C-alpha atoms as a PDB file:
ATOM      1  CA  MET A   1      38.235  67.587  90.444  1.00  0.00           C
ATOM      2  CA  ASN A   2      41.796  67.466  90.015  1.00  0.00           C
ATOM      3  CA  ASP A   3      45.074  69.396  90.889  1.00  0.00           C
ATOM      4  CA  THR A   4      45.144  71.790  88.653  1.00  0.00           C
ATOM      5  CA  PHE A   5      41.892  73.260  89.919  1.00  0.00           C
ATOM      6  CA  MET A   6      42.778  73.313  93.614  1.00  0.00           C
ATOM      7  CA  ASN A   7      46.294  75.597  91.691  1.00  0.00           C
ATOM      8  CA  ILE A   8      44.482  78.267  90.169  1.00  0.00           C
ATOM      9  CA  PRO A   9      44.056  81.369  92.495  1.00  0.00           C
ATOM     10  CA  ILE A  10      41.273  81.202  95.003  1.00  0.00           C
ATOM     11  CA  GLU A  11      39.598  83.909  92.882  1.00  0.00           C
ATOM     12  CA  LYS A  12      39.333  82.264  89.664  1.00  0.00           C
ATOM     13  CA  GLN A  13      38.173  78.733  91.438  1.00  0.00           C
ATOM     14  CA  LYS A  14      35.624  80.855  93.054  1.00  0.00           C
ATOM     15  CA  ARG A  15      34.477  82.632  89.483  1.00  0.00           C
ATOM     16  CA  ASN A  16      33.998  78.431  88.247  1.00  0.00           C
ATOM     17  CA  THR A  17      32.332  77.646  91.424  1.00  0.00           C
ATOM     18  CA  LYS A  18      29.459  80.628  91.252  1.00  0.00           C
ATOM     19  CA  ALA A  19      29.361  80.205  87.645  1.00  0.00           C
ATOM     20  CA  ALA A  20      29.022  76.340  87.473  1.00  0.00           C
ATOM     21  CA  PHE A  21      26.412  76.596  90.505  1.00  0.00           C
ATOM     22  CA  PHE A  22      24.262  79.404  88.423  1.00  0.00           C
ATOM     23  CA  GLU A  23      24.512  76.585  85.278  1.00  0.00           C
ATOM     24  CA  TYR A  24      23.176  73.809  86.989  1.00  0.00           C
ATOM     25  CA  ALA A  25      21.073  75.724  89.380  1.00  0.00           C
ATOM     26  CA  ASN A  26      18.958  77.150  86.022  1.00  0.00           C
ATOM     27  CA  TYR A  27      19.063  74.375  84.171  1.00  0.00           C
ATOM     28  CA  GLY A  28      19.460  71.050  86.136  1.00  0.00           C
ATOM     29  CA  TYR A  29      22.044  68.634  85.890  1.00  0.00           C
ATOM     30  CA  GLU A  30      20.714  67.238  82.579  1.00  0.00           C
ATOM     31  CA  ASN A  31      20.352  69.997  80.400  1.00  0.00           C
ATOM     32  CA  ALA A  32      23.265  72.029  81.732  1.00  0.00           C
ATOM     33  CA  SER A  33      25.771  73.077  79.232  1.00  0.00           C
ATOM     34  CA  THR A  34      29.223  72.590  79.455  1.00  0.00           C
ATOM     35  CA  ASN A  35      29.689  74.965  75.804  1.00  0.00           C
ATOM     36  CA  ARG A  36      27.216  77.871  78.221  1.00  0.00           C
ATOM     37  CA  LEU A  37      29.170  77.435  81.334  1.00  0.00           C
ATOM     38  CA  THR A  38      33.336  78.191  79.323  1.00  0.00           C
ATOM     39  CA  ALA A  39      31.101  80.723  77.167  1.00  0.00           C
ATOM     40  CA  THR A  40      30.080  82.694  80.583  1.00  0.00           C
ATOM     41  CA  LEU A  41      34.037  82.123  82.098  1.00  0.00           C
ATOM     42  CA  GLY A  42      35.670  83.140  79.093  1.00  0.00           C
ATOM     43  CA  ILE A  43      37.367  80.286  78.522  1.00  0.00           C
ATOM     44  CA  SER A  44      37.939  77.486  76.302  1.00  0.00           C
ATOM     45  CA  LYS A  45      36.384  73.783  77.358  1.00  0.00           C
ATOM     46  CA  GLY A  46      40.052  72.624  77.438  1.00  0.00           C
ATOM     47  CA  SER A  47      40.531  74.215  80.244  1.00  0.00           C
ATOM     48  CA  LEU A  48      37.719  73.494  81.951  1.00  0.00           C
ATOM     49  CA  PHE A  49      38.424  70.109  81.410  1.00  0.00           C
ATOM     50  CA  LYS A  50      41.493  70.441  82.579  1.00  0.00           C
ATOM     51  CA  TYR A  51      40.026  71.071  85.627  1.00  0.00           C
ATOM     52  CA  PHE A  52      37.281  68.608  85.916  1.00  0.00           C
ATOM     53  CA  SER A  53      36.816  65.091  83.535  1.00  0.00           C
ATOM     54  CA  ASN A  54      33.635  65.638  82.880  1.00  0.00           C
ATOM     55  CA  LYS A  55      30.160  66.749  83.838  1.00  0.00           C
ATOM     56  CA  LEU A  56      29.802  64.777  86.021  1.00  0.00           C
ATOM     57  CA  ASP A  57      32.957  65.195  88.013  1.00  0.00           C
ATOM     58  CA  LEU A  58      32.137  69.541  88.476  1.00  0.00           C
ATOM     59  CA  TYR A  59      28.771  68.239  89.890  1.00  0.00           C
ATOM     60  CA  THR A  60      29.768  66.045  92.465  1.00  0.00           C
ATOM     61  CA  TYR A  61      32.520  68.427  92.841  1.00  0.00           C
ATOM     62  CA  LEU A  62      29.385  71.321  93.889  1.00  0.00           C
ATOM     63  CA  VAL A  63      27.675  68.765  95.702  1.00  0.00           C
ATOM     64  CA  LYS A  64      30.500  68.082  97.905  1.00  0.00           C
ATOM     65  CA  GLN A  65      31.358  72.138  97.955  1.00  0.00           C
ATOM     66  CA  SER A  66      27.524  72.429  98.695  1.00  0.00           C
ATOM     67  CA  SER A  67      27.611  69.709 101.855  1.00  0.00           C
ATOM     68  CA  GLU A  68      30.615  71.002 103.099  1.00  0.00           C
ATOM     69  CA  HIS A  69      29.319  74.640 103.005  1.00  0.00           C
ATOM     70  CA  LEU A  70      26.031  74.076 104.375  1.00  0.00           C
ATOM     71  CA  MET A  71      27.429  71.335 107.718  1.00  0.00           C
ATOM     72  CA  THR A  72      29.701  74.501 108.975  1.00  0.00           C
ATOM     73  CA  TYR A  73      26.457  76.708 109.348  1.00  0.00           C
ATOM     74  CA  LEU A  74      25.208  74.168 111.024  1.00  0.00           C
ATOM     75  CA  ASP A  75      27.710  73.140 113.017  1.00  0.00           C
ATOM     76  CA  GLN A  76      28.297  76.947 113.474  1.00  0.00           C
ATOM     77  CA  LYS A  77      24.597  77.723 114.479  1.00  0.00           C
ATOM     78  CA  ASN A  78      24.751  74.906 116.699  1.00  0.00           C
ATOM     79  CA  MET A  79      22.224  72.435 114.977  1.00  0.00           C
ATOM     80  CA  LYS A  80      23.627  69.519 115.624  1.00  0.00           C
ATOM     81  CA  ALA A  81      21.230  65.927 114.103  1.00  0.00           C
ATOM     82  CA  PRO A  82      22.237  62.622 114.048  1.00  0.00           C
ATOM     83  CA  SER A  83      22.308  62.469 110.096  1.00  0.00           C
ATOM     84  CA  LEU A  84      22.921  64.809 107.100  1.00  0.00           C
ATOM     85  CA  LYS A  85      18.712  64.068 106.454  1.00  0.00           C
ATOM     86  CA  GLU A  86      17.821  64.951 109.794  1.00  0.00           C
ATOM     87  CA  SER A  87      20.452  68.017 109.598  1.00  0.00           C
ATOM     88  CA  LEU A  88      19.010  69.247 106.264  1.00  0.00           C
ATOM     89  CA  LEU A  89      15.317  69.462 108.113  1.00  0.00           C
ATOM     90  CA  LEU A  90      16.640  71.243 111.212  1.00  0.00           C
ATOM     91  CA  TYR A  91      18.224  73.872 108.739  1.00  0.00           C
ATOM     92  CA  ALA A  92      14.911  74.342 106.743  1.00  0.00           C
ATOM     93  CA  SER A  93      12.770  74.153 109.607  1.00  0.00           C
ATOM     94  CA  ASN A  94      14.589  77.372 111.343  1.00  0.00           C
ATOM     95  CA  GLU A  95      15.259  79.298 107.667  1.00  0.00           C
ATOM     96  CA  TYR A  96      11.541  78.591 106.869  1.00  0.00           C
ATOM     97  CA  ASP A  97       9.510  79.534 109.716  1.00  0.00           C
END
């Protein structure tokens, strides 16, 4: 991700991020399509690549966002664990019990 993405309005960032999460969640990394994503967003492929260098850069951004969101959630719930793996297991056990 480059600074261009961080300089667009927050609502546009959220819309783009939500659509990208949907694309990767439904099709996986290998089958995710930047063409489908840009069609969903109503932007050109060039605009998408002004924000992210490539498909992997976008995916990496989403993983980072997800991890930060999860860690914030765990901190708010006071669910401390020594590692990310143990934090994920703790979260999953609490969510699915």
